[in-house]
Each structure stands twice: as C-alpha cells, then as structure tokens.
Amino acid sequence: MTSEEFLRLGITDFLMKLNSIPETEPLYNIIKSRMINPASIKDKEERKYWRKQKQINKIPDIYLSNEELDFNVKESLGGLKNGKRFM
C-alpha cells in the first residue's frame, strides 16, 4: 500500500488495519498502553506494569513548531553533524 492509498483510507478500513496489528509488534503494546484502563486490572503487578507503560508511551502535551523541533534535535546532538557544527 502506498502512502497515498493509506491517506485515502476511510475510518472503517483504517480501524480494520489498526486492529489487525499482530501482538508481536511493538506498536501493538504502545496502542494498548494508551487505551487500557489500569484501574480495571485486578492483579497489582500487572496494573503497575500497565501504569508504567501508559506513562512511557503517552503523547506529550507539548506542541512545538517544526523550527523548535529542529532546534531541539540539533541541541540534543550537541550541534554536531558528521563531526561538523550545524550552520
């Protein structure tokens, strides 16, 4: 499937594809951790695990412009690219 075909998917087809992600894929656990309600889990250790996963995989509340994101990436790399300073 090309990216253009993917962008033209209807919500029903998108949800079918989303629900068909195998449990062995890392994306499956990320989605599950965002959807699961840890309070509904009776086992204390499992509830603790899913709370931690929910925290790790949460979508940040910070919204940055592309320029800010670019700057932050450059700063986190120490301003270096292939041993040279960014311009």
C-alpha atoms as a PDB file:
ATOM      1  CA  MET A   1       0.000   0.000   0.000  1.00  0.00           C
ATOM      2  CA  THR A   2       1.365   3.377  -0.961  1.00  0.00           C
ATOM      3  CA  SER A   3       1.219   6.397   1.329  1.00  0.00           C
ATOM      4  CA  GLU A   4      -1.367   7.974  -0.990  1.00  0.00           C
ATOM      5  CA  GLU A   5      -3.606   4.910  -0.699  1.00  0.00           C
ATOM      6  CA  PHE A   6      -3.188   4.957   3.075  1.00  0.00           C
ATOM      7  CA  LEU A   7      -4.198   8.620   3.272  1.00  0.00           C
ATOM      8  CA  ARG A   8      -7.365   7.855   1.289  1.00  0.00           C
ATOM      9  CA  LEU A   9      -8.491   5.083   3.682  1.00  0.00           C
ATOM     10  CA  GLY A  10     -11.869   5.535   5.287  1.00  0.00           C
ATOM     11  CA  ILE A  11     -12.185   5.287   9.078  1.00  0.00           C
ATOM     12  CA  THR A  12     -13.606   1.758   8.869  1.00  0.00           C
ATOM     13  CA  ASP A  13     -10.706   0.486   6.766  1.00  0.00           C
ATOM     14  CA  PHE A  14      -8.214   2.304   8.988  1.00  0.00           C
ATOM     15  CA  LEU A  15      -9.659   0.723  12.137  1.00  0.00           C
ATOM     16  CA  MET A  16      -9.607  -2.706  10.496  1.00  0.00           C
ATOM     17  CA  LYS A  17      -5.902  -2.274   9.712  1.00  0.00           C
ATOM     18  CA  LEU A  18      -5.215  -0.929  13.204  1.00  0.00           C
ATOM     19  CA  ASN A  19      -6.997  -3.890  14.806  1.00  0.00           C
ATOM     20  CA  SER A  20      -5.052  -6.357  12.660  1.00  0.00           C
ATOM     21  CA  ILE A  21      -1.645  -5.367  14.087  1.00  0.00           C
ATOM     22  CA  PRO A  22      -0.102  -8.574  15.496  1.00  0.00           C
ATOM     23  CA  GLU A  23       0.561  -8.750  19.245  1.00  0.00           C
ATOM     24  CA  THR A  24       4.224  -9.409  18.451  1.00  0.00           C
ATOM     25  CA  GLU A  25       4.652  -5.895  17.001  1.00  0.00           C
ATOM     26  CA  PRO A  26       5.950  -3.184  19.377  1.00  0.00           C
ATOM     27  CA  LEU A  27       3.262  -0.821  18.056  1.00  0.00           C
ATOM     28  CA  TYR A  28       0.602  -3.165  19.456  1.00  0.00           C
ATOM     29  CA  ASN A  29       1.769  -2.610  23.054  1.00  0.00           C
ATOM     30  CA  ILE A  30       2.078   1.146  22.524  1.00  0.00           C
ATOM     31  CA  ILE A  31      -1.514   1.355  21.321  1.00  0.00           C
ATOM     32  CA  LYS A  32      -2.726  -0.983  24.060  1.00  0.00           C
ATOM     33  CA  SER A  33      -0.940   1.031  26.756  1.00  0.00           C
ATOM     34  CA  ARG A  34      -2.690   4.209  25.559  1.00  0.00           C
ATOM     35  CA  MET A  35      -6.116   2.561  25.503  1.00  0.00           C
ATOM     36  CA  ILE A  36      -6.044   0.373  28.613  1.00  0.00           C
ATOM     37  CA  ASN A  37      -7.526   1.495  31.937  1.00  0.00           C
ATOM     38  CA  PRO A  38      -5.089   0.271  34.628  1.00  0.00           C
ATOM     39  CA  ALA A  39      -7.730   0.773  37.338  1.00  0.00           C
ATOM     40  CA  SER A  40      -9.742  -2.072  35.774  1.00  0.00           C
ATOM     41  CA  ILE A  41      -6.869  -4.568  36.259  1.00  0.00           C
ATOM     42  CA  LYS A  42      -7.135  -6.609  39.451  1.00  0.00           C
ATOM     43  CA  ASP A  43      -3.600  -8.023  39.566  1.00  0.00           C
ATOM     44  CA  LYS A  44      -1.419  -5.483  41.397  1.00  0.00           C
ATOM     45  CA  GLU A  45       1.793  -6.205  39.447  1.00  0.00           C
ATOM     46  CA  GLU A  46       0.055  -6.165  36.069  1.00  0.00           C
ATOM     47  CA  ARG A  47      -1.693  -2.895  36.976  1.00  0.00           C
ATOM     48  CA  LYS A  48       1.681  -1.419  37.963  1.00  0.00           C
ATOM     49  CA  TYR A  49       3.190  -2.614  34.659  1.00  0.00           C
ATOM     50  CA  TRP A  50       0.440  -1.008  32.555  1.00  0.00           C
ATOM     51  CA  ARG A  51       0.570   2.258  34.504  1.00  0.00           C
ATOM     52  CA  LYS A  52       4.291   2.443  33.756  1.00  0.00           C
ATOM     53  CA  GLN A  53       3.705   1.601  30.077  1.00  0.00           C
ATOM     54  CA  LYS A  54       0.974   4.254  29.884  1.00  0.00           C
ATOM     55  CA  GLN A  55       3.413   6.834  31.257  1.00  0.00           C
ATOM     56  CA  ILE A  56       6.220   5.778  28.896  1.00  0.00           C
ATOM     57  CA  ASN A  57       4.006   5.798  25.798  1.00  0.00           C
ATOM     58  CA  LYS A  58       1.890   8.846  26.491  1.00  0.00           C
ATOM     59  CA  ILE A  59       1.590  11.528  23.867  1.00  0.00           C
ATOM     60  CA  PRO A  60       3.327  14.667  25.143  1.00  0.00           C
ATOM     61  CA  ASP A  61       1.188  17.701  25.900  1.00  0.00           C
ATOM     62  CA  ILE A  62       3.871  19.956  24.436  1.00  0.00           C
ATOM     63  CA  TYR A  63       3.306  21.241  20.932  1.00  0.00           C
ATOM     64  CA  LEU A  64       6.322  22.647  19.139  1.00  0.00           C
ATOM     65  CA  SER A  65       6.737  24.163  15.714  1.00  0.00           C
ATOM     66  CA  ASN A  66       8.947  22.423  13.166  1.00  0.00           C
ATOM     67  CA  GLU A  67      11.626  25.048  13.763  1.00  0.00           C
ATOM     68  CA  GLU A  68      11.564  24.396  17.531  1.00  0.00           C
ATOM     69  CA  LEU A  69      11.732  20.636  16.980  1.00  0.00           C
ATOM     70  CA  ASP A  70      14.647  21.065  14.573  1.00  0.00           C
ATOM     71  CA  PHE A  71      16.469  23.285  17.073  1.00  0.00           C
ATOM     72  CA  ASN A  72      15.890  20.784  19.906  1.00  0.00           C
ATOM     73  CA  VAL A  73      17.240  17.902  17.802  1.00  0.00           C
ATOM     74  CA  LYS A  74      20.327  19.908  16.889  1.00  0.00           C
ATOM     75  CA  GLU A  75      20.855  20.872  20.533  1.00  0.00           C
ATOM     76  CA  SER A  76      20.476  17.282  21.725  1.00  0.00           C
ATOM     77  CA  LEU A  77      23.113  16.247  19.189  1.00  0.00           C
ATOM     78  CA  GLY A  78      25.440  18.879  20.576  1.00  0.00           C
ATOM     79  CA  GLY A  79      25.257  20.916  17.392  1.00  0.00           C
ATOM     80  CA  LEU A  80      27.296  18.300  15.539  1.00  0.00           C
ATOM     81  CA  LYS A  81      26.583  16.578  12.260  1.00  0.00           C
ATOM     82  CA  ASN A  82      29.192  14.155  10.969  1.00  0.00           C
ATOM     83  CA  GLY A  83      31.741  15.812  13.231  1.00  0.00           C
ATOM     84  CA  LYS A  84      30.896  19.314  11.935  1.00  0.00           C
ATOM     85  CA  ARG A  85      28.864  22.078  13.552  1.00  0.00           C
ATOM     86  CA  PHE A  86      25.415  22.835  12.187  1.00  0.00           C
ATOM     87  CA  MET A  87      25.065  26.185  10.458  1.00  0.00           C
END
